[in-house]
C-alpha atoms as a PDB file:
ATOM      1  CA  MET A   1     187.336 -87.226 188.518  1.00  0.00           C
ATOM      2  CA  ASN A   2     189.176 -90.094 190.229  1.00  0.00           C
ATOM      3  CA  ILE A   3     189.867 -89.820 193.953  1.00  0.00           C
ATOM      4  CA  ALA A   4     191.905 -92.291 195.974  1.00  0.00           C
ATOM      5  CA  VAL A   5     191.449 -92.446 199.742  1.00  0.00           C
ATOM      6  CA  THR A   6     194.151 -94.050 201.823  1.00  0.00           C
ATOM      7  CA  GLY A   7     195.604 -94.252 205.317  1.00  0.00           C
ATOM      8  CA  TYR A   8     198.294 -95.884 207.434  1.00  0.00           C
ATOM      9  CA  TYR A   9     196.266 -99.033 208.245  1.00  0.00           C
ATOM     10  CA  GLY A  10     193.494 -98.420 210.725  1.00  0.00           C
ATOM     11  CA  THR A  11     193.855 -94.643 210.715  1.00  0.00           C
ATOM     12  CA  GLY A  12     190.325 -94.054 209.442  1.00  0.00           C
ATOM     13  CA  SER A  13     190.301 -93.922 205.644  1.00  0.00           C
ATOM     14  CA  SER A  14     186.971 -95.755 205.730  1.00  0.00           C
ATOM     15  CA  ALA A  15     185.444 -92.770 207.555  1.00  0.00           C
ATOM     16  CA  VAL A  16     186.252 -90.467 204.629  1.00  0.00           C
ATOM     17  CA  ILE A  17     184.985 -93.047 202.141  1.00  0.00           C
ATOM     18  CA  ASP A  18     181.742 -93.337 204.132  1.00  0.00           C
ATOM     19  CA  PHE A  19     181.443 -89.557 204.085  1.00  0.00           C
ATOM     20  CA  LEU A  20     181.940 -89.435 200.309  1.00  0.00           C
ATOM     21  CA  CYS A  21     179.362 -92.189 199.816  1.00  0.00           C
ATOM     22  CA  GLU A  22     176.725 -89.798 201.152  1.00  0.00           C
ATOM     23  CA  PHE A  23     176.900 -87.747 197.925  1.00  0.00           C
ATOM     24  CA  SER A  24     174.680 -88.590 194.968  1.00  0.00           C
ATOM     25  CA  THR A  25     177.467 -87.779 192.502  1.00  0.00           C
ATOM     26  CA  VAL A  26     179.960 -90.234 194.042  1.00  0.00           C
ATOM     27  CA  SER A  27     180.404 -93.967 193.548  1.00  0.00           C
ATOM     28  CA  ILE A  28     182.936 -96.465 194.886  1.00  0.00           C
ATOM     29  CA  ALA A  29     185.160 -98.361 192.446  1.00  0.00           C
ATOM     30  CA  MET A  30     184.064-102.021 192.505  1.00  0.00           C
ATOM     31  CA  LYS A  31     182.413-102.093 195.917  1.00  0.00           C
ATOM     32  CA  ARG A  32     182.780-100.915 199.483  1.00  0.00           C
ATOM     33  CA  GLU A  33     185.869-102.310 201.245  1.00  0.00           C
ATOM     34  CA  TYR A  34     187.493-103.331 197.950  1.00  0.00           C
ATOM     35  CA  GLU A  35     191.141-102.309 197.689  1.00  0.00           C
ATOM     36  CA  HIS A  36     193.334-101.967 194.610  1.00  0.00           C
ATOM     37  CA  TYR A  37     196.741-103.648 194.408  1.00  0.00           C
ATOM     38  CA  ALA A  38     197.405-103.611 190.662  1.00  0.00           C
ATOM     39  CA  ILE A  39     199.397-100.422 191.147  1.00  0.00           C
ATOM     40  CA  LEU A  40     200.776-100.227 194.698  1.00  0.00           C
ATOM     41  CA  GLY A  41     201.381-103.876 195.664  1.00  0.00           C
ATOM     42  CA  LYS A  42     204.381-106.169 195.562  1.00  0.00           C
ATOM     43  CA  ASN A  43     205.363-106.907 191.941  1.00  0.00           C
ATOM     44  CA  ALA A  44     202.748-104.380 190.779  1.00  0.00           C
ATOM     45  CA  LEU A  45     203.311-101.301 188.620  1.00  0.00           C
ATOM     46  CA  LEU A  46     205.160 -99.019 191.071  1.00  0.00           C
ATOM     47  CA  ASP A  47     207.371-101.878 192.182  1.00  0.00           C
ATOM     48  CA  LEU A  48     208.115-102.659 188.533  1.00  0.00           C
ATOM     49  CA  GLU A  49     209.288 -99.105 187.838  1.00  0.00           C
ATOM     50  CA  MET A  50     211.659 -99.195 190.796  1.00  0.00           C
ATOM     51  CA  ARG A  51     213.177-102.524 189.752  1.00  0.00           C
ATOM     52  CA  LEU A  52     213.525-101.588 186.095  1.00  0.00           C
ATOM     53  CA  PHE A  53     215.148 -98.191 186.637  1.00  0.00           C
ATOM     54  CA  GLY A  54     216.657 -98.300 190.121  1.00  0.00           C
ATOM     55  CA  GLU A  55     220.370 -97.733 190.578  1.00  0.00           C
ATOM     56  CA  ASN A  56     221.084-101.410 191.231  1.00  0.00           C
ATOM     57  CA  THR A  57     219.154-102.852 188.303  1.00  0.00           C
ATOM     58  CA  ASN A  58     220.586-105.086 185.576  1.00  0.00           C
ATOM     59  CA  TYR A  59     219.221-107.116 182.663  1.00  0.00           C
ATOM     60  CA  MET A  60     218.547-110.177 184.845  1.00  0.00           C
ATOM     61  CA  ILE A  61     216.602-108.139 187.415  1.00  0.00           C
ATOM     62  CA  ARG A  62     214.639-106.468 184.622  1.00  0.00           C
ATOM     63  CA  ASP A  63     213.697-109.805 183.062  1.00  0.00           C
ATOM     64  CA  TYR A  64     212.660-111.191 186.424  1.00  0.00           C
ATOM     65  CA  ALA A  65     210.726-108.023 187.353  1.00  0.00           C
ATOM     66  CA  ILE A  66     208.684-107.973 184.141  1.00  0.00           C
ATOM     67  CA  ASN A  67     207.812-111.651 184.407  1.00  0.00           C
ATOM     68  CA  GLU A  68     206.845-111.254 188.066  1.00  0.00           C
ATOM     69  CA  PHE A  69     204.642-108.302 187.125  1.00  0.00           C
ATOM     70  CA  ILE A  70     202.885-110.506 184.541  1.00  0.00           C
ATOM     71  CA  ASP A  71     202.440-113.295 187.111  1.00  0.00           C
ATOM     72  CA  GLU A  72     201.041-110.899 189.729  1.00  0.00           C
ATOM     73  CA  MET A  73     198.568-109.303 187.319  1.00  0.00           C
ATOM     74  CA  ASN A  74     197.354-112.750 186.217  1.00  0.00           C
ATOM     75  CA  ARG A  75     197.013-113.781 189.862  1.00  0.00           C
ATOM     76  CA  GLN A  76     194.891-110.738 190.676  1.00  0.00           C
ATOM     77  CA  ASN A  77     192.881-111.205 187.505  1.00  0.00           C
ATOM     78  CA  LYS A  78     192.072-114.843 188.191  1.00  0.00           C
ATOM     79  CA  TYR A  79     191.580-115.124 191.954  1.00  0.00           C
ATOM     80  CA  ASN A  80     189.217-113.494 194.431  1.00  0.00           C
ATOM     81  CA  PHE A  81     191.104-112.559 197.602  1.00  0.00           C
ATOM     82  CA  GLY A  82     188.071-111.075 199.319  1.00  0.00           C
ATOM     83  CA  TRP A  83     189.139-107.449 199.395  1.00  0.00           C
ATOM     84  CA  PHE A  84     191.114-107.367 196.135  1.00  0.00           C
ATOM     85  CA  GLY A  85     191.563-109.235 192.870  1.00  0.00           C
ATOM     86  CA  SER A  86     188.893-111.043 190.830  1.00  0.00           C
ATOM     87  CA  TYR A  87     189.164-108.732 187.816  1.00  0.00           C
ATOM     88  CA  LYS A  88     188.152-111.464 185.355  1.00  0.00           C
ATOM     89  CA  LYS A  89     184.890-112.026 187.205  1.00  0.00           C
ATOM     90  CA  HIS A  90     183.998-108.334 187.005  1.00  0.00           C
ATOM     91  CA  PHE A  91     185.525-107.282 183.669  1.00  0.00           C
ATOM     92  CA  GLY A  92     186.025-110.418 181.601  1.00  0.00           C
ATOM     93  CA  ASN A  93     189.277-110.070 179.640  1.00  0.00           C
ATOM     94  CA  LYS A  94     189.412-106.263 179.778  1.00  0.00           C
ATOM     95  CA  PHE A  95     191.882-106.041 182.662  1.00  0.00           C
ATOM     96  CA  ILE A  96     194.316-108.637 181.371  1.00  0.00           C
ATOM     97  CA  ASP A  97     194.118-107.090 177.889  1.00  0.00           C
ATOM     98  CA  ILE A  98     195.290-103.806 179.404  1.00  0.00           C
ATOM     99  CA  VAL A  99     198.134-105.640 181.141  1.00  0.00           C
ATOM    100  CA  ASN A 100     199.242-107.436 177.961  1.00  0.00           C
ATOM    101  CA  LYS A 101     199.103-104.211 175.960  1.00  0.00           C
ATOM    102  CA  PHE A 102     201.303-102.478 178.547  1.00  0.00           C
ATOM    103  CA  VAL A 103     203.843-105.320 178.774  1.00  0.00           C
ATOM    104  CA  ASP A 104     204.160-105.537 174.986  1.00  0.00           C
ATOM    105  CA  SER A 105     204.725-101.783 174.790  1.00  0.00           C
ATOM    106  CA  ILE A 106     207.725-101.849 177.146  1.00  0.00           C
ATOM    107  CA  SER A 107     209.402-105.199 176.477  1.00  0.00           C
ATOM    108  CA  GLU A 108     210.190-107.892 173.967  1.00  0.00           C
ATOM    109  CA  PRO A 109     210.099-111.642 174.712  1.00  0.00           C
ATOM    110  CA  LYS A 110     212.670-114.127 173.472  1.00  0.00           C
ATOM    111  CA  PRO A 111     212.210-117.904 173.931  1.00  0.00           C
ATOM    112  CA  CYS A 112     215.572-118.658 175.485  1.00  0.00           C
ATOM    113  CA  ARG A 113     216.858-119.377 178.967  1.00  0.00           C
ATOM    114  CA  SER A 114     218.696-117.346 181.562  1.00  0.00           C
ATOM    115  CA  PHE A 115     220.133-117.854 185.029  1.00  0.00           C
ATOM    116  CA  THR A 116     217.133-116.112 186.614  1.00  0.00           C
ATOM    117  CA  GLN A 117     214.810-118.731 185.137  1.00  0.00           C
ATOM    118  CA  VAL A 118     216.459-121.650 186.957  1.00  0.00           C
ATOM    119  CA  LYS A 119     213.955-122.968 189.514  1.00  0.00           C
ATOM    120  CA  LYS A 120     216.009-125.877 190.858  1.00  0.00           C
ATOM    121  CA  ILE A 121     218.666-128.469 190.028  1.00  0.00           C
ATOM    122  CA  ILE A 122     218.007-132.218 189.999  1.00  0.00           C
ATOM    123  CA  HIS A 123     220.166-135.254 189.210  1.00  0.00           C
ATOM    124  CA  THR A 124     218.975-138.048 186.907  1.00  0.00           C
ATOM    125  CA  PRO A 125     220.534-141.353 185.826  1.00  0.00           C
ATOM    126  CA  PHE A 126     219.704-140.600 182.168  1.00  0.00           C
ATOM    127  CA  LYS A 127     221.675-137.360 182.220  1.00  0.00           C
ATOM    128  CA  ALA A 128     224.544-139.110 184.018  1.00  0.00           C
ATOM    129  CA  VAL A 129     224.758-141.748 181.274  1.00  0.00           C
ATOM    130  CA  ALA A 130     224.643-139.036 178.605  1.00  0.00           C
ATOM    131  CA  GLN A 131     227.434-137.101 180.316  1.00  0.00           C
ATOM    132  CA  ILE A 132     229.633-140.184 180.598  1.00  0.00           C
ATOM    133  CA  GLY A 133     229.022-140.933 176.911  1.00  0.00           C
ATOM    134  CA  ALA A 134     229.968-137.369 175.930  1.00  0.00           C
ATOM    135  CA  ARG A 135     233.074-137.654 178.083  1.00  0.00           C
ATOM    136  CA  ILE A 136     234.171-140.835 176.315  1.00  0.00           C
ATOM    137  CA  LEU A 137     233.294-139.747 172.791  1.00  0.00           C
ATOM    138  CA  VAL A 138     234.183-136.047 172.664  1.00  0.00           C
ATOM    139  CA  LYS A 139     236.122-135.587 175.895  1.00  0.00           C
ATOM    140  CA  ARG A 140     233.512-133.158 177.279  1.00  0.00           C
ATOM    141  CA  PRO A 141     234.258-132.411 180.960  1.00  0.00           C
ATOM    142  CA  ILE A 142     231.797-133.490 183.661  1.00  0.00           C
ATOM    143  CA  TYR A 143     231.181-130.753 186.211  1.00  0.00           C
ATOM    144  CA  ASP A 144     228.387-132.423 188.182  1.00  0.00           C
ATOM    145  CA  LEU A 145     227.319-135.952 187.278  1.00  0.00           C
ATOM    146  CA  GLY A 146     223.649-136.194 186.276  1.00  0.00           C
ATOM    147  CA  ARG A 147     222.876-132.514 186.864  1.00  0.00           C
ATOM    148  CA  VAL A 148     219.775-131.127 185.133  1.00  0.00           C
ATOM    149  CA  TYR A 149     218.487-127.557 185.321  1.00  0.00           C
ATOM    150  CA  VAL A 150     214.749-127.076 185.743  1.00  0.00           C
ATOM    151  CA  TYR A 151     213.564-123.811 184.201  1.00  0.00           C
ATOM    152  CA  ASP A 152     210.356-121.844 184.708  1.00  0.00           C
ATOM    153  CA  LYS A 153     209.583-122.081 180.960  1.00  0.00           C
ATOM    154  CA  LYS A 154     209.014-118.330 180.637  1.00  0.00           C
ATOM    155  CA  PRO A 155     210.561-116.329 177.806  1.00  0.00           C
ATOM    156  CA  ILE A 156     213.225-113.815 178.721  1.00  0.00           C
ATOM    157  CA  ARG A 157     211.784-110.315 178.687  1.00  0.00           C
ATOM    158  CA  PHE A 158     214.079-107.573 177.409  1.00  0.00           C
ATOM    159  CA  LEU A 159     213.198-103.999 178.351  1.00  0.00           C
ATOM    160  CA  THR A 160     212.883-102.025 175.104  1.00  0.00           C
ATOM    161  CA  VAL A 161     212.056 -98.503 176.352  1.00  0.00           C
ATOM    162  CA  ASP A 162     213.825 -95.779 178.286  1.00  0.00           C
ATOM    163  CA  HIS A 163     212.457 -94.294 181.517  1.00  0.00           C
ATOM    164  CA  GLU A 164     210.498 -91.527 179.832  1.00  0.00           C
ATOM    165  CA  GLU A 165     208.812 -93.982 177.464  1.00  0.00           C
ATOM    166  CA  PHE A 166     208.084 -96.323 180.355  1.00  0.00           C
ATOM    167  CA  MET A 167     206.392 -93.531 182.303  1.00  0.00           C
ATOM    168  CA  ALA A 168     204.208 -92.661 179.313  1.00  0.00           C
ATOM    169  CA  ALA A 169     203.171 -96.319 179.002  1.00  0.00           C
ATOM    170  CA  SER A 170     202.524 -96.493 182.764  1.00  0.00           C
ATOM    171  CA  LYS A 171     200.275 -93.440 182.676  1.00  0.00           C
ATOM    172  CA  GLN A 172     198.334 -95.013 179.842  1.00  0.00           C
ATOM    173  CA  PHE A 173     198.011 -98.289 181.791  1.00  0.00           C
ATOM    174  CA  ILE A 174     196.740 -96.483 184.888  1.00  0.00           C
ATOM    175  CA  SER A 175     194.311 -94.369 182.867  1.00  0.00           C
ATOM    176  CA  GLU A 176     192.834 -97.470 181.224  1.00  0.00           C
ATOM    177  CA  TYR A 177     192.668 -99.231 184.605  1.00  0.00           C
ATOM    178  CA  LEU A 178     190.744 -96.346 186.182  1.00  0.00           C
ATOM    179  CA  ASN A 179     188.383 -96.222 183.194  1.00  0.00           C
ATOM    180  CA  LEU A 180     187.307 -99.799 183.915  1.00  0.00           C
ATOM    181  CA  PHE A 181     185.319 -98.445 186.858  1.00  0.00           C
ATOM    182  CA  LYS A 182     183.579 -95.571 185.099  1.00  0.00           C
ATOM    183  CA  ASN A 183     179.839 -95.209 185.455  1.00  0.00           C
ATOM    184  CA  GLY A 184     177.303 -92.403 185.335  1.00  0.00           C
ATOM    185  CA  ASN A 185     178.622 -90.544 188.382  1.00  0.00           C
ATOM    186  CA  ASN A 186     181.067 -87.660 188.177  1.00  0.00           C
ATOM    187  CA  ILE A 187     183.434 -88.905 190.877  1.00  0.00           C
ATOM    188  CA  ILE A 188     184.838 -92.413 191.347  1.00  0.00           C
ATOM    189  CA  VAL A 189     186.462 -93.201 194.699  1.00  0.00           C
ATOM    190  CA  PHE A 190     189.224 -95.817 194.996  1.00  0.00           C
ATOM    191  CA  ASP A 191     190.091 -97.375 198.336  1.00  0.00           C
ATOM    192  CA  HIS A 192     193.865 -97.767 198.861  1.00  0.00           C
ATOM    193  CA  LEU A 193     194.915 -97.297 195.265  1.00  0.00           C
ATOM    194  CA  LEU A 194     198.101 -95.849 196.779  1.00  0.00           C
ATOM    195  CA  LEU A 195     199.635 -95.717 200.235  1.00  0.00           C
ATOM    196  CA  PRO A 196     200.495 -92.398 201.942  1.00  0.00           C
ATOM    197  CA  GLU A 197     204.230 -92.798 201.344  1.00  0.00           C
ATOM    198  CA  GLN A 198     203.550 -92.797 197.600  1.00  0.00           C
ATOM    199  CA  ALA A 199     201.895 -89.369 197.565  1.00  0.00           C
ATOM    200  CA  LYS A 200     205.000 -87.781 196.091  1.00  0.00           C
ATOM    201  CA  ILE A 201     204.800 -89.818 192.894  1.00  0.00           C
ATOM    202  CA  ILE A 202     201.243 -89.098 191.792  1.00  0.00           C
ATOM    203  CA  ASN A 203     202.311 -86.421 189.306  1.00  0.00           C
ATOM    204  CA  LYS A 204     204.589 -88.975 187.659  1.00  0.00           C
ATOM    205  CA  PHE A 205     201.972 -91.675 187.180  1.00  0.00           C
ATOM    206  CA  PHE A 206     198.563 -89.985 187.174  1.00  0.00           C
ATOM    207  CA  ASP A 207     196.724 -87.391 185.116  1.00  0.00           C
ATOM    208  CA  ASN A 208     195.911 -83.961 186.566  1.00  0.00           C
ATOM    209  CA  ASP A 209     192.319 -84.893 187.467  1.00  0.00           C
ATOM    210  CA  PHE A 210     193.515 -87.541 189.936  1.00  0.00           C
ATOM    211  CA  LYS A 211     193.432 -86.642 193.635  1.00  0.00           C
ATOM    212  CA  LEU A 212     194.560 -88.355 196.819  1.00  0.00           C
ATOM    213  CA  ILE A 213     193.115 -88.029 200.327  1.00  0.00           C
ATOM    214  CA  ILE A 214     195.350 -89.283 203.156  1.00  0.00           C
ATOM    215  CA  VAL A 215     193.756 -89.967 206.539  1.00  0.00           C
ATOM    216  CA  ASP A 216     195.840 -89.867 209.710  1.00  0.00           C
ATOM    217  CA  ARG A 217     195.049 -90.500 213.371  1.00  0.00           C
ATOM    218  CA  ASP A 218     196.437 -89.995 216.863  1.00  0.00           C
ATOM    219  CA  PRO A 219     199.278 -92.543 217.350  1.00  0.00           C
ATOM    220  CA  ARG A 220     198.289 -93.190 220.961  1.00  0.00           C
ATOM    221  CA  ASP A 221     194.975 -94.634 219.840  1.00  0.00           C
ATOM    222  CA  MET A 222     196.593 -96.512 216.964  1.00  0.00           C
ATOM    223  CA  TYR A 223     199.131 -98.273 219.166  1.00  0.00           C
ATOM    224  CA  LEU A 224     196.584 -99.270 221.803  1.00  0.00           C
ATOM    225  CA  LEU A 225     194.053-100.478 219.231  1.00  0.00           C
ATOM    226  CA  SER A 226     196.680-102.562 217.470  1.00  0.00           C
ATOM    227  CA  GLU A 227     198.286-103.945 220.599  1.00  0.00           C
ATOM    228  CA  HIS A 228     195.373-104.385 223.010  1.00  0.00           C
ATOM    229  CA  TYR A 229     192.017-104.274 221.200  1.00  0.00           C
ATOM    230  CA  TRP A 230     192.157-105.635 217.655  1.00  0.00           C
ATOM    231  CA  ASN A 231     193.759-108.866 218.877  1.00  0.00           C
ATOM    232  CA  THR A 232     190.837-109.704 221.189  1.00  0.00           C
ATOM    233  CA  LEU A 233     188.107-112.258 220.599  1.00  0.00           C
ATOM    234  CA  LYS A 234     185.617-109.463 219.899  1.00  0.00           C
ATOM    235  CA  PHE A 235     187.621-108.338 216.869  1.00  0.00           C
ATOM    236  CA  GLY A 236     188.417-111.883 215.730  1.00  0.00           C
ATOM    237  CA  LYS A 237     191.884-111.986 217.322  1.00  0.00           C
ATOM    238  CA  GLN A 238     193.532-110.162 214.473  1.00  0.00           C
ATOM    239  CA  PRO A 239     197.294-109.794 214.897  1.00  0.00           C
ATOM    240  CA  GLY A 240     198.524-106.271 215.496  1.00  0.00           C
ATOM    241  CA  ILE A 241     199.311-104.410 212.297  1.00  0.00           C
ATOM    242  CA  TYR A 242     202.127-102.374 213.856  1.00  0.00           C
ATOM    243  CA  PRO A 243     205.338-103.371 215.678  1.00  0.00           C
ATOM    244  CA  ASN A 244     204.622-104.684 219.164  1.00  0.00           C
ATOM    245  CA  SER A 245     207.292-102.708 220.972  1.00  0.00           C
ATOM    246  CA  MET A 246     206.671 -99.028 221.596  1.00  0.00           C
ATOM    247  CA  GLN A 247     210.112 -98.146 220.247  1.00  0.00           C
ATOM    248  CA  GLY A 248     209.446-100.160 217.101  1.00  0.00           C
ATOM    249  CA  PHE A 249     206.036 -98.549 216.725  1.00  0.00           C
ATOM    250  CA  CYS A 250     207.462 -95.032 217.046  1.00  0.00           C
ATOM    251  CA  ASN A 251     210.229 -95.723 214.530  1.00  0.00           C
ATOM    252  CA  HIS A 252     207.731 -97.236 212.087  1.00  0.00           C
ATOM    253  CA  TRP A 253     205.394 -94.269 212.533  1.00  0.00           C
ATOM    254  CA  LYS A 254     208.168 -91.807 211.708  1.00  0.00           C
ATOM    255  CA  GLN A 255     209.306 -93.827 208.682  1.00  0.00           C
ATOM    256  CA  THR A 256     205.862 -94.084 207.119  1.00  0.00           C
ATOM    257  CA  HIS A 257     204.593 -90.550 207.762  1.00  0.00           C
ATOM    258  CA  PRO A 258     205.635 -87.999 205.147  1.00  0.00           C
ATOM    259  CA  ILE A 259     205.557 -84.290 205.882  1.00  0.00           C
ATOM    260  CA  LYS A 260     201.919 -83.236 205.774  1.00  0.00           C
ATOM    261  CA  GLN A 261     201.665 -80.707 203.003  1.00  0.00           C
ATOM    262  CA  ASN A 262     198.404 -80.171 201.158  1.00  0.00           C
ATOM    263  CA  THR A 263     198.680 -79.556 197.429  1.00  0.00           C
ATOM    264  CA  GLU A 264     196.246 -79.209 194.566  1.00  0.00           C
ATOM    265  CA  ASN A 265     196.131 -83.006 194.283  1.00  0.00           C
ATOM    266  CA  VAL A 266     196.830 -84.191 197.850  1.00  0.00           C
ATOM    267  CA  LEU A 267     194.758 -83.523 200.958  1.00  0.00           C
ATOM    268  CA  PHE A 268     195.610 -84.668 204.487  1.00  0.00           C
ATOM    269  CA  VAL A 269     192.608 -85.259 206.745  1.00  0.00           C
ATOM    270  CA  GLN A 270     192.854 -85.959 210.452  1.00  0.00           C
ATOM    271  CA  PHE A 271     190.354 -88.649 211.439  1.00  0.00           C
ATOM    272  CA  GLU A 272     189.557 -86.846 214.665  1.00  0.00           C
ATOM    273  CA  ASP A 273     188.789 -83.593 212.801  1.00  0.00           C
ATOM    274  CA  LEU A 274     186.005 -85.340 210.925  1.00  0.00           C
ATOM    275  CA  ILE A 275     184.406 -85.931 214.330  1.00  0.00           C
ATOM    276  CA  TYR A 276     185.325 -83.003 216.578  1.00  0.00           C
ATOM    277  CA  ASN A 277     185.429 -80.423 213.788  1.00  0.00           C
ATOM    278  CA  TYR A 278     182.914 -81.970 211.401  1.00  0.00           C
ATOM    279  CA  GLU A 279     181.489 -78.995 209.498  1.00  0.00           C
ATOM    280  CA  LYS A 280     184.830 -77.365 208.709  1.00  0.00           C
ATOM    281  CA  THR A 281     186.450 -80.669 207.709  1.00  0.00           C
ATOM    282  CA  ALA A 282     183.451 -81.663 205.590  1.00  0.00           C
ATOM    283  CA  GLU A 283     183.660 -78.318 203.798  1.00  0.00           C
ATOM    284  CA  GLN A 284     187.392 -78.824 203.213  1.00  0.00           C
ATOM    285  CA  ILE A 285     186.857 -82.283 201.675  1.00  0.00           C
ATOM    286  CA  MET A 286     183.962 -81.055 199.548  1.00  0.00           C
ATOM    287  CA  LYS A 287     186.014 -78.171 198.175  1.00  0.00           C
ATOM    288  CA  PHE A 288     188.965 -80.457 197.416  1.00  0.00           C
ATOM    289  CA  CYS A 289     186.734 -82.959 195.584  1.00  0.00           C
ATOM    290  CA  GLY A 290     184.531 -80.399 193.844  1.00  0.00           C
ATOM    291  CA  LEU A 291     181.396 -81.617 195.630  1.00  0.00           C
ATOM    292  CA  LYS A 292     178.220 -79.584 195.961  1.00  0.00           C
ATOM    293  CA  ILE A 293     176.323 -79.266 199.204  1.00  0.00           C
ATOM    294  CA  GLU A 294     173.001 -79.952 197.470  1.00  0.00           C
ATOM    295  CA  ASP A 295     174.331 -83.378 196.451  1.00  0.00           C
ATOM    296  CA  HIS A 296     174.988 -84.338 200.086  1.00  0.00           C
ATOM    297  CA  VAL A 297     171.744 -86.322 200.146  1.00  0.00           C
ATOM    298  CA  ASP A 298     172.597 -88.736 202.990  1.00  0.00           C
ATOM    299  CA  LYS A 299     174.377 -86.425 205.399  1.00  0.00           C
ATOM    300  CA  CYS A 300     175.524 -88.288 208.546  1.00  0.00           C
ATOM    301  CA  LYS A 301     173.570 -91.400 207.505  1.00  0.00           C
ATOM    302  CA  ILE A 302     176.631 -93.425 206.489  1.00  0.00           C
ATOM    303  CA  PHE A 303     179.329 -91.625 208.448  1.00  0.00           C
ATOM    304  CA  ASP A 304     177.917 -90.507 211.785  1.00  0.00           C
ATOM    305  CA  PRO A 305     180.406 -88.452 213.831  1.00  0.00           C
ATOM    306  CA  LYS A 306     178.254 -88.915 216.953  1.00  0.00           C
ATOM    307  CA  LYS A 307     178.788 -92.657 216.677  1.00  0.00           C
ATOM    308  CA  SER A 308     182.408 -92.607 215.496  1.00  0.00           C
ATOM    309  CA  ILE A 309     183.441 -90.494 218.472  1.00  0.00           C
ATOM    310  CA  ASN A 310     183.614 -93.767 220.394  1.00  0.00           C
ATOM    311  CA  ASN A 311     186.628 -94.674 218.253  1.00  0.00           C
ATOM    312  CA  THR A 312     188.628 -91.765 219.657  1.00  0.00           C
ATOM    313  CA  GLN A 313     190.563 -91.152 222.885  1.00  0.00           C
ATOM    314  CA  ILE A 314     191.080 -94.879 223.408  1.00  0.00           C
ATOM    315  CA  PHE A 315     194.139 -93.932 225.454  1.00  0.00           C
ATOM    316  CA  GLU A 316     191.812 -92.501 228.138  1.00  0.00           C
ATOM    317  CA  LEU A 317     189.908 -95.745 228.682  1.00  0.00           C
ATOM    318  CA  ASN A 318     192.282 -97.738 230.833  1.00  0.00           C
ATOM    319  CA  GLU A 319     194.824 -96.575 233.405  1.00  0.00           C
ATOM    320  CA  THR A 320     196.769 -99.805 232.803  1.00  0.00           C
ATOM    321  CA  TYR A 321     198.155 -98.299 229.607  1.00  0.00           C
ATOM    322  CA  LYS A 322     199.287 -95.041 231.206  1.00  0.00           C
ATOM    323  CA  ASN A 323     203.021 -95.724 230.822  1.00  0.00           C
ATOM    324  CA  GLU A 324     202.614 -96.676 227.176  1.00  0.00           C
ATOM    325  CA  VAL A 325     200.588 -93.551 226.473  1.00  0.00           C
ATOM    326  CA  GLU A 326     203.218 -91.344 228.122  1.00  0.00           C
ATOM    327  CA  TYR A 327     206.016 -93.012 226.132  1.00  0.00           C
ATOM    328  CA  LEU A 328     204.176 -92.435 222.851  1.00  0.00           C
ATOM    329  CA  ALA A 329     203.428 -88.821 223.745  1.00  0.00           C
ATOM    330  CA  GLN A 330     207.089 -88.228 224.556  1.00  0.00           C
ATOM    331  CA  HIS A 331     208.433 -89.784 221.345  1.00  0.00           C
ATOM    332  CA  LEU A 332     205.759 -88.663 218.861  1.00  0.00           C
ATOM    333  CA  PRO A 333     204.729 -85.224 220.147  1.00  0.00           C
ATOM    334  CA  GLU A 334     204.267 -83.762 216.657  1.00  0.00           C
ATOM    335  CA  SER A 335     201.661 -86.428 215.798  1.00  0.00           C
ATOM    336  CA  LEU A 336     199.379 -86.023 218.817  1.00  0.00           C
ATOM    337  CA  TYR A 337     195.892 -84.673 218.258  1.00  0.00           C
ATOM    338  CA  THR A 338     194.688 -81.871 220.518  1.00  0.00           C
ATOM    339  CA  PHE A 339     191.222 -82.938 221.592  1.00  0.00           C
ATOM    340  CA  PRO A 340     188.833 -80.080 222.388  1.00  0.00           C
ATOM    341  CA  TYR A 341     187.207 -82.024 225.218  1.00  0.00           C
ATOM    342  CA  SER A 342     187.301 -85.406 226.916  1.00  0.00           C
ATOM    343  CA  ASN A 343     185.133 -88.140 225.462  1.00  0.00           C
ATOM    344  CA  LYS A 344     183.439 -90.278 228.104  1.00  0.00           C
ATOM    345  CA  HIS A 345     182.697 -93.156 225.710  1.00  0.00           C
ATOM    346  CA  ASP A 346     179.004 -93.843 225.936  1.00  0.00           C
ATOM    347  CA  GLY A 347     179.273 -96.663 223.385  1.00  0.00           C
ATOM    348  CA  GLU A 348     181.513 -99.488 222.175  1.00  0.00           C
ATOM    349  CA  ILE A 349     184.624 -99.317 220.025  1.00  0.00           C
ATOM    350  CA  PHE A 350     183.913-100.695 216.563  1.00  0.00           C
END
């Protein structure tokens, strides 16, 4: 079984991954803290489908989209970006072979030029002389003296399949991608193979044995962590990952949060529940993933709810943020977590 765990950036997906790592029948695809962008990222598979079959597509967009998909897959194959990429190092040519097989199954190249392949325009004396000569000899008009088009040298890619055929090829591509990470364990966990907003498309692109766990968190803590804690020297002065203004944050939160509805293949987990309601939440995750209690060999050794509790109720730490907390509570009431008791924070945020 393949299970993807994801969140809304900082909402605690790593806590669920740590919990799953405590089972002897579970392994992490590639390594801990490795994320997968061959499917969800810019110019990746899901983006390609939208650009090929969206309402505003045309043959130039399709050509450009397919070539950008090829470029992005080669980039991820060749380079190590720390938390993603570097497929060639780990799999040799297996990943790029899958990519080439997929591209050839949906498109056909032709070595000619199109408007979308123009990178820039330059002017050269040689071309100017040639244009003047053509003007004198054959009366050819001169539109721009010395103008030369510089092309990207890529073949035009014509889409050769309909949407249904594309989806079948995409499912095959994803299946072969997931199989790259197979080992002796029953369950392979993928970190951020999808984002929460993409939960609705898993039945289109994935087989029935694929499952998605989405981890959410109290927005009051998320705003304060992003705005006031993660950008400190202690955390390496990382820029906030959410809009700075409270209004912008609230609007972004509403846009990115789908209706929470558990299905056979999608499970929503509240980060705080894994701490304040550990046993029930652990049982829920185990049932969803088909895990056995006897395989929970490292219980609370990797994910320790007694330690992680210090990452909750951040909004209670500092009275300075009282107005911000009240604003968030007023504008995102449906997203607030009801804490069973106040946490006094006997340790540091991490």
